[in-house]
Amino acid sequence: MIKLSVIFLIFSLILTTALVKNSTKRIDDEIFTTKEHIRSLKQDFESMKLENNYLSSAEKLNEFQNLFFDEELVKKDIFQINMIKLTNNQVIIKQFKLIND
């Protein structure tokens, strides 16, 4: 009876070890694929960020203005900008306020 119990215990330990090992390998594979996916997304993000920074730089914006809009765009002072608010069919014009002020 004791031999049977020991054999059953050893068999169950081997089976449990195999199950744990397989599940751990599956989880490791999922972690690896997720890290690879994140790495490729980071590369895409850095590429898009660089492109955005390049295209939205002041020099590039001025170049695009001269290239596409000629004299259509006019520089305005920030304090010349007003806010328009519609309430109860009334138009209210307020002075634009900066957050830092």
C-alpha atoms as a PDB file:
ATOM      1  CA  MET A   1       0.000   0.000   0.000  1.00  0.00           C
ATOM      2  CA  ILE A   2       2.831   2.397   0.852  1.00  0.00           C
ATOM      3  CA  LYS A   3       4.609   1.567  -2.435  1.00  0.00           C
ATOM      4  CA  LEU A   4       1.432   2.349  -4.368  1.00  0.00           C
ATOM      5  CA  SER A   5       1.044   5.668  -2.530  1.00  0.00           C
ATOM      6  CA  VAL A   6       4.661   6.626  -3.248  1.00  0.00           C
ATOM      7  CA  ILE A   7       4.304   5.669  -6.927  1.00  0.00           C
ATOM      8  CA  PHE A   8       1.069   7.659  -7.180  1.00  0.00           C
ATOM      9  CA  LEU A   9       2.717  10.644  -5.468  1.00  0.00           C
ATOM     10  CA  ILE A  10       5.724  10.550  -7.817  1.00  0.00           C
ATOM     11  CA  PHE A  11       3.444  10.177 -10.862  1.00  0.00           C
ATOM     12  CA  SER A  12       1.260  13.109  -9.767  1.00  0.00           C
ATOM     13  CA  LEU A  13       4.357  15.265  -9.137  1.00  0.00           C
ATOM     14  CA  ILE A  14       5.694  14.458 -12.611  1.00  0.00           C
ATOM     15  CA  LEU A  15       2.325  15.227 -14.178  1.00  0.00           C
ATOM     16  CA  THR A  16       1.971  18.494 -12.232  1.00  0.00           C
ATOM     17  CA  THR A  17       5.515  19.512 -13.188  1.00  0.00           C
ATOM     18  CA  ALA A  18       4.779  18.856 -16.863  1.00  0.00           C
ATOM     19  CA  LEU A  19       1.567  20.898 -16.724  1.00  0.00           C
ATOM     20  CA  VAL A  20       3.285  23.804 -14.976  1.00  0.00           C
ATOM     21  CA  LYS A  21       6.188  23.685 -17.431  1.00  0.00           C
ATOM     22  CA  ASN A  22       3.860  23.724 -20.448  1.00  0.00           C
ATOM     23  CA  SER A  23       1.771  26.583 -19.112  1.00  0.00           C
ATOM     24  CA  THR A  24       4.907  28.541 -18.220  1.00  0.00           C
ATOM     25  CA  LYS A  25       6.277  28.033 -21.740  1.00  0.00           C
ATOM     26  CA  ARG A  26       2.984  29.223 -23.245  1.00  0.00           C
ATOM     27  CA  ILE A  27       3.004  32.325 -21.033  1.00  0.00           C
ATOM     28  CA  ASP A  28       6.651  33.023 -21.939  1.00  0.00           C
ATOM     29  CA  ASP A  29       5.756  32.787 -25.642  1.00  0.00           C
ATOM     30  CA  GLU A  30       2.873  35.241 -25.150  1.00  0.00           C
ATOM     31  CA  ILE A  31       5.161  37.637 -23.269  1.00  0.00           C
ATOM     32  CA  PHE A  32       7.750  37.434 -26.051  1.00  0.00           C
ATOM     33  CA  THR A  33       5.222  38.121 -28.816  1.00  0.00           C
ATOM     34  CA  THR A  34       3.744  41.002 -26.809  1.00  0.00           C
ATOM     35  CA  LYS A  35       7.189  42.531 -26.257  1.00  0.00           C
ATOM     36  CA  GLU A  36       7.965  42.211 -29.972  1.00  0.00           C
ATOM     37  CA  HIS A  37       4.655  43.871 -30.823  1.00  0.00           C
ATOM     38  CA  ILE A  38       5.362  46.680 -28.357  1.00  0.00           C
ATOM     39  CA  ARG A  39       8.859  47.108 -29.819  1.00  0.00           C
ATOM     40  CA  SER A  40       7.488  47.477 -33.349  1.00  0.00           C
ATOM     41  CA  LEU A  41       4.835  49.927 -32.107  1.00  0.00           C
ATOM     42  CA  LYS A  42       7.523  51.972 -30.344  1.00  0.00           C
ATOM     43  CA  GLN A  43       9.502  52.151 -33.578  1.00  0.00           C
ATOM     44  CA  ASP A  44       6.379  53.277 -35.457  1.00  0.00           C
ATOM     45  CA  PHE A  45       5.648  55.835 -32.746  1.00  0.00           C
ATOM     46  CA  GLU A  46       9.177  57.256 -32.869  1.00  0.00           C
ATOM     47  CA  SER A  47       8.977  57.462 -36.645  1.00  0.00           C
ATOM     48  CA  MET A  48       5.619  59.249 -36.530  1.00  0.00           C
ATOM     49  CA  LYS A  49       6.834  61.550 -33.768  1.00  0.00           C
ATOM     50  CA  LEU A  50       9.898  62.504 -35.784  1.00  0.00           C
ATOM     51  CA  GLU A  51       7.761  63.107 -38.854  1.00  0.00           C
ATOM     52  CA  ASN A  52       5.313  65.228 -36.860  1.00  0.00           C
ATOM     53  CA  ASN A  53       8.087  67.277 -35.263  1.00  0.00           C
ATOM     54  CA  TYR A  54       9.726  67.808 -38.641  1.00  0.00           C
ATOM     55  CA  LEU A  55       6.521  68.776 -40.433  1.00  0.00           C
ATOM     56  CA  SER A  56       5.253  71.027 -37.654  1.00  0.00           C
ATOM     57  CA  SER A  57       8.499  72.916 -37.069  1.00  0.00           C
ATOM     58  CA  ALA A  58       8.290  76.688 -37.535  1.00  0.00           C
ATOM     59  CA  GLU A  59      10.581  76.636 -40.562  1.00  0.00           C
ATOM     60  CA  LYS A  60       8.558  73.927 -42.282  1.00  0.00           C
ATOM     61  CA  LEU A  61       5.263  75.681 -41.530  1.00  0.00           C
ATOM     62  CA  ASN A  62       6.605  78.904 -43.039  1.00  0.00           C
ATOM     63  CA  GLU A  63       7.860  76.962 -46.045  1.00  0.00           C
ATOM     64  CA  PHE A  64       4.434  75.311 -46.504  1.00  0.00           C
ATOM     65  CA  GLN A  65       2.728  78.684 -46.129  1.00  0.00           C
ATOM     66  CA  ASN A  66       4.903  80.190 -48.862  1.00  0.00           C
ATOM     67  CA  LEU A  67       4.552  77.136 -51.052  1.00  0.00           C
ATOM     68  CA  PHE A  68       0.795  76.544 -50.819  1.00  0.00           C
ATOM     69  CA  PHE A  69      -0.930  79.645 -49.455  1.00  0.00           C
ATOM     70  CA  ASP A  70       1.153  82.539 -50.805  1.00  0.00           C
ATOM     71  CA  GLU A  71      -0.389  85.632 -49.193  1.00  0.00           C
ATOM     72  CA  GLU A  72      -3.614  84.025 -47.923  1.00  0.00           C
ATOM     73  CA  LEU A  73      -2.342  83.570 -44.363  1.00  0.00           C
ATOM     74  CA  VAL A  74      -1.762  86.599 -42.169  1.00  0.00           C
ATOM     75  CA  LYS A  75       0.001  86.644 -38.813  1.00  0.00           C
ATOM     76  CA  LYS A  76      -2.191  87.836 -35.942  1.00  0.00           C
ATOM     77  CA  ASP A  77      -1.345  88.923 -32.461  1.00  0.00           C
ATOM     78  CA  ILE A  78      -2.717  86.506 -29.864  1.00  0.00           C
ATOM     79  CA  PHE A  79      -4.540  89.354 -28.141  1.00  0.00           C
ATOM     80  CA  GLN A  80      -6.496  90.176 -31.308  1.00  0.00           C
ATOM     81  CA  ILE A  81      -8.250  86.816 -31.079  1.00  0.00           C
ATOM     82  CA  ASN A  82     -11.718  86.841 -29.520  1.00  0.00           C
ATOM     83  CA  MET A  83     -14.003  84.067 -28.356  1.00  0.00           C
ATOM     84  CA  ILE A  84     -17.546  83.832 -29.652  1.00  0.00           C
ATOM     85  CA  LYS A  85     -20.169  82.220 -27.438  1.00  0.00           C
ATOM     86  CA  LEU A  86     -23.783  81.539 -28.354  1.00  0.00           C
ATOM     87  CA  THR A  87     -26.284  81.571 -25.482  1.00  0.00           C
ATOM     88  CA  ASN A  88     -30.031  81.940 -25.746  1.00  0.00           C
ATOM     89  CA  ASN A  89     -29.764  83.001 -29.385  1.00  0.00           C
ATOM     90  CA  GLN A  90     -27.369  85.793 -28.409  1.00  0.00           C
ATOM     91  CA  VAL A  91     -23.839  86.195 -29.639  1.00  0.00           C
ATOM     92  CA  ILE A  92     -21.377  87.131 -26.910  1.00  0.00           C
ATOM     93  CA  ILE A  93     -17.833  88.110 -27.875  1.00  0.00           C
ATOM     94  CA  LYS A  94     -15.236  87.789 -25.134  1.00  0.00           C
ATOM     95  CA  GLN A  95     -11.559  88.617 -25.051  1.00  0.00           C
ATOM     96  CA  PHE A  96      -9.312  85.579 -25.423  1.00  0.00           C
ATOM     97  CA  LYS A  97      -7.433  84.830 -22.198  1.00  0.00           C
ATOM     98  CA  LEU A  98      -4.250  82.837 -21.909  1.00  0.00           C
ATOM     99  CA  ILE A  99      -4.126  80.131 -19.257  1.00  0.00           C
ATOM    100  CA  ASN A 100      -0.801  81.349 -17.874  1.00  0.00           C
ATOM    101  CA  ASP A 101      -2.077  84.882 -17.276  1.00  0.00           C
END
